[in-house]
Protein backbone atom coordinates (compact mmCIF):
# COMPACT_ATOMS: atom_id res chain seq x y z
CA MET A 1 -254.67 -44.50 -94.25
CA ARG A 2 -257.58 -44.81 -96.64
CA PRO A 3 -259.04 -41.74 -98.38
CA GLY A 4 -261.70 -40.28 -96.15
CA ALA A 5 -260.42 -42.13 -93.10
CA ARG A 6 -260.20 -40.16 -89.88
CA CYS A 7 -257.03 -39.69 -87.89
CA THR A 8 -256.37 -42.24 -85.20
CA ARG A 9 -253.94 -42.11 -82.32
CA ARG A 10 -250.85 -44.18 -83.05
CA VAL A 11 -247.08 -44.22 -83.36
CA ALA A 12 -245.66 -45.07 -86.80
CA LEU A 13 -242.07 -46.10 -87.50
CA LEU A 14 -240.85 -45.06 -90.94
CA ARG A 15 -237.77 -46.60 -92.56
CA SER A 16 -236.42 -45.44 -95.91
CA PRO A 17 -235.35 -47.94 -98.61
CA VAL A 18 -232.02 -46.25 -99.29
CA GLY A 19 -230.64 -48.98 -101.51
CA SER A 20 -233.47 -48.77 -104.05
CA VAL A 21 -232.39 -45.32 -105.26
CA LEU A 22 -228.98 -46.19 -106.64
CA ALA A 23 -230.24 -48.52 -109.33
CA ASP A 24 -233.10 -46.19 -110.28
CA VAL A 25 -231.12 -42.98 -110.54
CA GLY A 26 -228.18 -44.67 -112.22
CA GLY A 27 -230.35 -46.52 -114.73
CA ARG A 28 -231.09 -45.49 -118.29
CA VAL A 29 -233.89 -42.96 -118.74
CA THR A 30 -236.56 -44.45 -120.97
CA GLY A 31 -239.48 -42.09 -121.18
CA LEU A 32 -240.85 -39.92 -118.40
CA SER A 33 -241.23 -42.85 -116.07
CA MET A 34 -237.97 -41.90 -114.37
CA ALA A 35 -239.75 -38.86 -112.98
CA VAL A 36 -242.12 -41.08 -111.04
CA PRO A 37 -240.38 -41.58 -107.77
CA VAL A 38 -240.05 -45.07 -106.46
CA PRO A 39 -237.08 -43.44 -104.72
CA LEU A 40 -239.24 -40.53 -103.70
CA ARG A 41 -239.92 -42.63 -100.66
CA LEU A 42 -236.50 -41.42 -99.63
CA LEU A 43 -238.28 -38.36 -98.32
CA LEU A 44 -238.91 -40.72 -95.43
CA LEU A 45 -235.39 -40.40 -94.18
CA GLY A 46 -234.03 -42.66 -91.47
CA VAL A 47 -236.27 -43.95 -88.68
CA PHE A 48 -238.62 -41.65 -86.80
CA ALA A 49 -241.30 -42.05 -84.18
CA ILE A 50 -244.20 -39.84 -85.26
CA PRO A 51 -247.15 -39.18 -82.97
CA GLY A 52 -250.35 -39.59 -84.92
CA GLY A 53 -253.76 -38.20 -84.15
CA CYS A 54 -255.64 -35.01 -84.88
CA ALA A 55 -253.57 -32.55 -82.88
CA TYR A 56 -253.48 -30.19 -85.88
CA PRO A 57 -256.99 -29.73 -87.28
CA GLY A 58 -257.02 -28.92 -90.98
CA PRO A 59 -257.05 -27.90 -93.61
CA HIS A 60 -253.30 -28.39 -94.03
CA SER A 61 -251.18 -29.52 -96.97
CA LEU A 62 -247.66 -30.70 -97.77
CA ARG A 63 -246.56 -30.07 -101.37
CA TYR A 64 -243.34 -30.47 -103.34
CA PHE A 65 -242.63 -28.93 -106.74
CA TYR A 66 -239.92 -30.15 -109.12
CA THR A 67 -239.11 -27.95 -112.14
CA ALA A 68 -236.66 -28.51 -115.00
CA VAL A 69 -236.13 -26.05 -117.86
CA SER A 70 -234.66 -26.51 -121.32
CA GLU A 71 -232.70 -23.25 -121.37
CA PRO A 72 -231.41 -22.12 -117.97
CA GLY A 73 -230.22 -18.56 -117.53
CA PRO A 74 -229.37 -15.95 -114.90
CA GLY A 75 -231.73 -16.45 -112.00
CA LEU A 76 -233.29 -19.50 -113.67
CA PRO A 77 -231.53 -22.74 -112.65
CA GLN A 78 -231.92 -25.81 -114.84
CA PHE A 79 -233.44 -27.82 -111.99
CA THR A 80 -235.28 -26.66 -108.86
CA VAL A 81 -237.09 -28.37 -105.99
CA VAL A 82 -239.18 -26.48 -103.44
CA GLY A 83 -241.35 -27.69 -100.57
CA TYR A 84 -244.36 -25.99 -98.98
CA LEU A 85 -246.16 -26.68 -95.73
CA ASP A 86 -249.53 -25.03 -96.25
CA ASP A 87 -248.53 -21.75 -97.92
CA GLN A 88 -245.10 -21.49 -96.31
CA LEU A 89 -241.92 -22.27 -98.23
CA PHE A 90 -239.65 -24.43 -96.06
CA PHE A 91 -237.37 -26.29 -98.50
CA HIS A 92 -235.29 -25.18 -101.49
CA PHE A 93 -232.79 -26.85 -103.79
CA ASP A 94 -231.49 -25.76 -107.16
CA SER A 95 -228.79 -26.98 -109.52
CA GLU A 96 -226.72 -23.83 -109.02
CA GLY A 97 -226.65 -23.89 -105.22
CA LYS A 98 -224.60 -25.84 -102.72
CA GLY A 99 -227.40 -28.14 -101.60
CA ALA A 100 -230.82 -28.34 -99.97
CA GLN A 101 -231.53 -25.29 -97.83
CA PRO A 102 -234.08 -24.55 -95.09
CA ARG A 103 -236.46 -21.69 -95.86
CA ALA A 104 -238.42 -21.59 -92.58
CA PRO A 105 -237.05 -21.41 -89.03
CA TRP A 106 -239.04 -24.38 -87.76
CA ILE A 107 -237.56 -26.90 -90.25
CA GLN A 108 -234.16 -26.33 -88.67
CA ALA A 109 -235.33 -28.78 -86.03
CA GLU A 110 -233.99 -31.35 -88.51
CA GLY A 111 -230.27 -31.93 -88.17
CA PRO A 112 -227.40 -32.02 -90.70
CA GLU A 113 -228.08 -35.64 -91.67
CA TYR A 114 -231.55 -34.70 -92.88
CA TRP A 115 -230.19 -31.96 -95.16
CA ASP A 116 -227.36 -34.14 -96.47
CA ARG A 117 -229.86 -36.80 -97.48
CA GLN A 118 -232.25 -34.29 -99.02
CA THR A 119 -229.38 -32.87 -101.07
CA TRP A 120 -228.43 -36.36 -102.23
CA ILE A 121 -232.02 -37.14 -103.24
CA ALA A 122 -232.49 -33.88 -105.15
CA LYS A 123 -229.19 -34.26 -106.99
CA GLY A 124 -230.18 -37.79 -107.94
CA TRP A 125 -233.29 -36.46 -109.68
CA GLN A 126 -231.55 -33.65 -111.52
CA GLU A 127 -230.43 -35.57 -114.62
CA PRO A 128 -233.65 -37.62 -114.96
CA PHE A 129 -235.72 -34.43 -114.92
CA ASN A 130 -233.43 -32.74 -117.43
CA SER A 131 -233.97 -35.78 -119.65
CA ASN A 132 -237.72 -35.50 -119.12
CA VAL A 133 -237.69 -32.02 -120.65
CA ARG A 134 -236.02 -33.38 -123.78
CA ILE A 135 -238.37 -36.35 -123.98
CA ALA A 136 -241.45 -34.15 -123.57
CA MET A 137 -240.16 -31.90 -126.35
CA GLU A 138 -239.94 -34.98 -128.58
CA HIS A 139 -243.53 -35.94 -127.73
CA TYR A 140 -244.67 -32.45 -128.76
CA ASN A 141 -242.46 -32.40 -131.91
CA GLN A 142 -240.36 -29.56 -130.53
CA SER A 143 -236.92 -31.16 -130.72
CA GLY A 144 -234.34 -28.80 -132.15
CA VAL A 145 -236.62 -25.79 -131.68
CA ARG A 146 -235.05 -23.09 -129.54
CA GLY A 147 -237.07 -21.60 -126.74
CA LEU A 148 -237.81 -22.05 -123.07
CA HIS A 149 -239.69 -25.23 -122.14
CA THR A 150 -240.52 -26.46 -118.66
CA PHE A 151 -241.32 -29.85 -117.19
CA GLN A 152 -242.91 -29.76 -113.74
CA TYR A 153 -243.98 -32.26 -111.14
CA MET A 154 -246.12 -31.64 -108.07
CA TYR A 155 -247.03 -34.13 -105.41
CA GLY A 156 -248.24 -34.06 -101.83
CA CYS A 157 -251.08 -34.66 -99.45
CA GLN A 158 -253.63 -32.79 -97.40
CA LEU A 159 -255.35 -33.06 -94.04
CA ARG A 160 -258.89 -31.69 -94.25
CA ALA A 161 -260.87 -29.94 -91.53
CA ASP A 162 -263.04 -33.03 -90.97
CA GLY A 163 -259.98 -35.23 -90.38
CA SER A 164 -260.05 -36.94 -93.78
CA THR A 165 -256.96 -37.05 -95.97
CA GLY A 166 -256.10 -37.01 -99.67
CA GLY A 167 -253.08 -37.17 -101.93
CA PHE A 168 -252.15 -35.88 -105.38
CA ARG A 169 -249.50 -36.31 -108.09
CA GLN A 170 -249.46 -34.21 -111.21
CA TYR A 171 -247.08 -33.53 -114.11
CA GLY A 172 -247.10 -30.46 -116.31
CA TYR A 173 -245.36 -29.32 -119.47
CA ASP A 174 -245.11 -25.69 -120.52
CA GLY A 175 -247.80 -24.71 -118.03
CA ARG A 176 -250.32 -27.32 -119.22
CA ASP A 177 -251.47 -30.51 -117.52
CA PHE A 178 -249.49 -33.47 -118.81
CA LEU A 179 -250.35 -36.41 -116.55
CA SER A 180 -252.04 -36.89 -113.17
CA TYR A 181 -252.63 -39.76 -110.78
CA ASP A 182 -256.12 -40.43 -109.42
CA THR A 183 -255.69 -42.09 -106.03
CA ARG A 184 -259.36 -43.07 -105.84
CA THR A 185 -259.32 -45.36 -108.86
CA PRO A 186 -256.22 -45.67 -108.90
CA THR A 187 -255.44 -44.73 -112.50
CA TRP A 188 -253.32 -42.33 -114.51
CA VAL A 189 -255.15 -39.59 -116.41
CA ALA A 190 -253.65 -38.18 -119.62
CA PRO A 191 -255.43 -35.02 -120.84
CA SER A 192 -253.55 -35.01 -124.16
CA LYS A 193 -252.48 -37.60 -126.72
CA GLU A 194 -248.82 -36.64 -126.21
CA ALA A 195 -248.95 -38.15 -122.71
CA GLU A 196 -250.48 -41.48 -123.75
CA ILE A 197 -247.09 -43.22 -124.13
CA THR A 198 -246.06 -42.23 -120.63
CA LYS A 199 -249.47 -43.18 -119.24
CA GLY A 200 -249.10 -46.66 -120.69
CA LYS A 201 -245.71 -47.14 -119.03
CA MET A 202 -247.09 -46.00 -115.69
CA GLU A 203 -250.09 -48.31 -115.83
CA ALA A 204 -247.96 -51.30 -116.83
CA ASP A 205 -246.19 -51.18 -113.46
CA ARG A 206 -248.98 -52.02 -110.99
CA HIS A 207 -246.52 -52.43 -108.14
CA LEU A 208 -245.29 -48.88 -108.67
CA SER A 209 -248.84 -47.52 -108.67
CA GLN A 210 -249.58 -49.25 -105.37
CA GLN A 211 -246.39 -47.86 -103.83
CA GLN A 212 -247.34 -44.36 -104.88
CA ARG A 213 -250.84 -44.70 -103.52
CA ASP A 214 -249.48 -45.98 -100.21
CA TYR A 215 -247.10 -43.05 -99.95
CA LEU A 216 -249.76 -40.42 -100.65
CA GLU A 217 -252.39 -41.89 -98.35
CA ARG A 218 -250.24 -42.80 -95.36
CA LYS A 219 -246.58 -41.83 -95.31
CA CYS A 220 -247.02 -38.34 -96.74
CA VAL A 221 -249.71 -37.60 -94.14
CA GLU A 222 -247.39 -38.75 -91.37
CA TRP A 223 -244.72 -36.34 -92.61
CA LEU A 224 -247.31 -33.61 -92.83
CA GLN A 225 -248.22 -34.13 -89.18
CA LYS A 226 -244.55 -34.21 -88.20
CA TYR A 227 -243.87 -30.89 -89.91
CA LEU A 228 -247.01 -29.38 -88.39
CA GLY A 229 -245.54 -30.24 -85.01
CA TYR A 230 -242.43 -28.26 -85.89
CA GLY A 231 -244.23 -25.21 -87.25
CA LYS A 232 -247.42 -25.15 -85.19
CA GLU A 233 -246.72 -21.77 -83.57
CA THR A 234 -246.31 -20.11 -86.96
CA LEU A 235 -248.83 -22.03 -89.03
CA GLN A 236 -251.71 -22.12 -86.56
CA ARG A 237 -251.69 -18.45 -85.71
CA ARG A 238 -254.74 -16.39 -86.66
CA GLU A 239 -254.47 -12.77 -87.76
CA ARG A 240 -257.69 -10.78 -88.12
CA PRO A 241 -257.95 -8.73 -91.34
CA ALA A 242 -258.06 -4.95 -91.23
CA MET A 243 -260.52 -3.44 -93.70
CA ARG A 244 -260.74 -0.20 -95.62
CA VAL A 245 -263.09 1.06 -98.33
CA THR A 246 -262.08 3.87 -100.67
CA GLY A 247 -264.00 5.57 -103.47
CA ARG A 248 -263.11 7.20 -106.76
CA ASP A 249 -265.53 9.22 -108.90
CA ALA A 250 -265.14 9.43 -112.66
CA PRO A 251 -266.18 12.65 -114.43
CA ASP A 252 -269.68 12.06 -115.78
CA GLY A 253 -269.27 8.35 -115.06
CA PRO A 254 -269.65 5.64 -112.43
CA THR A 255 -268.12 5.59 -108.97
CA THR A 256 -265.59 2.89 -108.18
CA LEU A 257 -265.52 1.52 -104.64
CA CYS A 258 -262.53 -0.53 -103.56
CA CYS A 259 -262.56 -2.81 -100.53
CA ARG A 260 -259.18 -3.84 -99.16
CA ALA A 261 -258.46 -6.45 -96.51
CA HIS A 262 -254.90 -6.68 -95.25
CA GLY A 263 -252.78 -8.16 -92.48
CA PHE A 264 -254.66 -11.47 -92.27
CA TYR A 265 -253.41 -15.03 -91.84
CA PRO A 266 -253.96 -17.77 -92.95
CA ARG A 267 -254.56 -17.13 -96.62
CA ASP A 268 -258.21 -18.19 -96.99
CA ILE A 269 -260.65 -15.29 -97.29
CA ALA A 270 -263.94 -14.48 -99.03
CA LEU A 271 -264.27 -10.84 -100.06
CA SER A 272 -267.59 -9.72 -101.61
CA TRP A 273 -269.71 -6.67 -102.38
CA LEU A 274 -273.40 -6.61 -101.42
CA ARG A 275 -276.08 -4.16 -102.55
CA LYS A 276 -278.97 -4.01 -100.10
CA GLY A 277 -277.92 -7.47 -98.88
CA GLU A 278 -277.68 -9.08 -102.33
CA SER A 279 -274.39 -10.24 -103.86
CA ARG A 280 -272.95 -8.20 -106.74
CA GLU A 281 -270.56 -10.95 -107.83
CA GLN A 282 -271.32 -10.46 -111.53
CA VAL A 283 -269.91 -6.92 -111.51
CA THR A 284 -267.08 -7.36 -108.99
CA TRP A 285 -263.41 -7.13 -109.97
CA ARG A 286 -260.85 -8.90 -107.82
CA GLY A 287 -257.14 -9.02 -107.19
CA GLY A 288 -255.47 -12.19 -106.04
CA VAL A 289 -254.68 -12.97 -102.42
CA LEU A 290 -251.08 -11.77 -102.21
CA PRO A 291 -248.40 -12.07 -99.52
CA ASN A 292 -247.03 -9.23 -97.41
CA GLY A 293 -243.49 -8.97 -96.12
CA ASP A 294 -244.58 -9.90 -92.58
CA ARG A 295 -246.04 -13.30 -93.68
CA THR A 296 -249.60 -12.03 -93.72
CA TYR A 297 -251.80 -11.48 -96.80
CA HIS A 298 -253.86 -8.81 -98.50
CA ALA A 299 -256.69 -8.86 -101.04
CA TRP A 300 -259.00 -6.39 -102.73
CA ALA A 301 -262.27 -6.22 -104.65
CA THR A 302 -263.81 -3.32 -106.58
CA VAL A 303 -267.25 -2.56 -107.91
CA GLU A 304 -268.56 0.18 -110.22
CA LEU A 305 -271.90 1.75 -109.37
CA ASP A 306 -274.16 4.74 -109.81
CA PRO A 307 -272.82 7.54 -107.57
CA ARG A 308 -276.29 7.95 -106.09
CA GLU A 309 -276.20 4.36 -104.75
CA ARG A 310 -272.95 4.51 -102.79
CA GLY A 311 -274.79 4.23 -99.49
CA LEU A 312 -276.45 0.96 -100.55
CA TYR A 313 -273.22 -1.04 -100.86
CA ARG A 314 -271.44 -3.02 -98.17
CA CYS A 315 -268.18 -4.95 -98.32
CA HIS A 316 -268.27 -8.32 -96.54
CA VAL A 317 -265.27 -10.35 -95.41
CA GLU A 318 -265.79 -13.95 -94.34
CA ARG A 319 -263.21 -16.29 -92.83
CA GLU A 320 -263.37 -19.58 -91.01
CA SER A 321 -261.87 -17.99 -87.89
CA LEU A 322 -264.53 -15.23 -87.76
CA ALA A 323 -267.75 -15.87 -85.85
CA GLN A 324 -269.48 -13.15 -87.92
CA PRO A 325 -268.55 -11.53 -91.25
CA LEU A 326 -266.73 -8.23 -91.11
CA VAL A 327 -268.59 -5.37 -92.79
CA ALA A 328 -267.15 -2.12 -94.14
CA VAL A 329 -268.84 0.82 -95.88
CA TRP A 330 -267.54 3.79 -97.83
CA GLU A 331 -267.39 7.01 -95.84
CA PRO A 332 -266.72 10.25 -97.74
CA PRO A 333 -263.76 12.22 -96.35
CA SER A 334 -264.59 15.32 -94.34
CA ARG A 335 -263.64 18.76 -95.64
CA SER A 336 -261.03 19.17 -92.89
CA ALA A 337 -259.38 15.96 -94.09
CA LEU A 338 -259.30 17.17 -97.70
CA LEU A 339 -257.15 20.24 -97.00
CA PRO A 340 -253.86 18.39 -96.22
CA VAL A 341 -254.51 16.13 -99.20
CA LEU A 342 -254.80 19.13 -101.53
CA ILE A 343 -251.69 20.75 -100.05
CA GLY A 344 -249.79 17.50 -100.48
CA ALA A 345 -250.96 17.16 -104.08
CA VAL A 346 -249.77 20.67 -104.92
CA ALA A 347 -246.40 19.99 -103.29
CA VAL A 348 -245.95 16.71 -105.16
CA THR A 349 -246.87 18.38 -108.46
CA ALA A 350 -244.26 21.08 -107.86
CA LEU A 351 -241.60 18.49 -107.03
CA LEU A 352 -242.41 16.47 -110.15
CA ALA A 353 -242.25 19.57 -112.33
CA GLY A 354 -238.88 20.52 -110.89
CA GLY A 355 -237.63 16.97 -111.28
CA ALA A 356 -238.73 16.85 -114.92
CA VAL A 357 -236.84 20.07 -115.70
CA GLY A 358 -233.74 18.75 -113.95
CA PHE A 359 -233.99 15.45 -115.83
CA VAL A 360 -234.18 17.22 -119.21
CA LEU A 361 -231.14 19.35 -118.37
CA TRP A 362 -229.24 16.26 -117.19
CA ARG A 363 -230.10 14.38 -120.39
CA ARG A 364 -228.81 17.28 -122.50
CA ARG A 365 -225.60 17.46 -120.46
CA CYS A 366 -225.04 13.69 -120.74
CA SER A 367 -226.00 13.36 -124.40
CA GLY A 368 -223.41 11.59 -126.49
CA ASN A 369 -221.63 9.84 -123.63
CA GLY A 370 -222.83 6.44 -124.91
CA GLY A 371 -223.88 3.26 -123.14
CA LEU A 372 -226.60 4.82 -120.97
CA VAL A 373 -230.17 3.65 -121.54
CA VAL A 374 -232.91 5.39 -119.56
CA PRO A 375 -236.57 4.32 -119.84
CA GLY A 376 -238.88 6.98 -121.19
CA LEU A 377 -241.08 8.91 -118.78
CA GLY A 378 -244.21 7.73 -120.54
CA GLU A 379 -243.53 4.02 -120.13
CA PRO A 380 -246.00 2.15 -117.90
CA PRO A 381 -244.83 0.74 -114.56
CA LEU A 382 -244.39 -2.97 -114.03
CA SER A 383 -247.68 -4.76 -113.43
CA VAL A 384 -248.25 -6.65 -110.20
CA GLY A 385 -250.52 -9.15 -111.92
CA PRO A 386 -253.86 -9.23 -113.73
CA ALA A 387 -257.12 -8.29 -112.11
CA MET A 388 -259.90 -10.85 -112.21
CA GLY A 389 -263.07 -9.50 -113.72
CA PRO A 390 -266.64 -10.76 -113.49
CA ARG A 391 -266.89 -14.53 -114.02
CA GLY A 392 -263.17 -14.86 -113.32
CA ARG A 393 -261.89 -13.42 -116.60
CA GLU A 394 -258.50 -11.73 -116.57
CA GLN A 395 -258.93 -8.07 -117.39
CA SER A 396 -256.65 -5.10 -117.95
CA ARG A 397 -257.93 -3.12 -115.00
CA PRO A 398 -256.29 -0.53 -112.71
CA LEU A 399 -255.62 -1.73 -109.18
CA CYS A 400 -257.50 -0.01 -106.39
């Protein structure tokens, strides 16, 4: 399928070139080229009849992430592979586990043979990717230097809302772009001089580049549609966001209004503050769109303003599934609602005071017993991530 081409109704038979992997995985690793999967076509396992067409309007994506680290540790395997359909994790493999594992109920439609093959493929890439970490360290003159280094690979495809498709391949080292493949040209793009050697090896193999382009533009999309068929009930559901606006006044300072949207699915959402109908994007602080335990999402945005202008601000939520934006305003709590809040605050203060006294007495009683380390009461809690300030800058900002 060409980039930009629309879906057509057809049945495609996919057959995997199993024999090609053995020579590739067993061969000598010369540069990062081993990380470029001729054998990645093995994701097309066996022979399947896949109904084509536009039964699952986009946007949808299928993405795989390969990660190798130089210094594994507890909870950090040396090699990991994960797969996502849209924003849902469905596939996991790591070098410390027993094999490829399903992470979503719908992928269990695939039988044992599928998982055996996926385990075999992932294990075949483990040593090449471990070698890629060492080779990348050589390119960056970091050989022999202790420290954690990562080599990552992402590839996949997407089905857009208009029916067009696209593919992507990208390599990263220590969180920076290392090499990417432009399917439109098709060419390899190296953002740094350290990747030029690898880029040259990739471009020298024109047959490999064509194979990769074919996979991204056609076969990957067919797998995407197949998986969408498995998970359509989960992935195509629509959950309307619930909204709430809260306010906080600073002594002799501005008022902070916080707009929260929660319980929505899918992930896409546009949360904004308007003053008399005009966007206040330049003074809006945002948190990321984060997952909830029930596979929905939540997001927030705050704005600081003159207390006298609280009635002029509106929070707008826009989503593709909404015919009209949702609007929320700040409403000051009534006096009757404040009474239980004050009572609760007094009770909590009393409990904390009693707990602090008990803690001090316990510390005195347990002093000298050795081996016990307790964090100090004044230490800050763990952060849940940076807030995004105006113009997208990360800021040290309290969450709303």
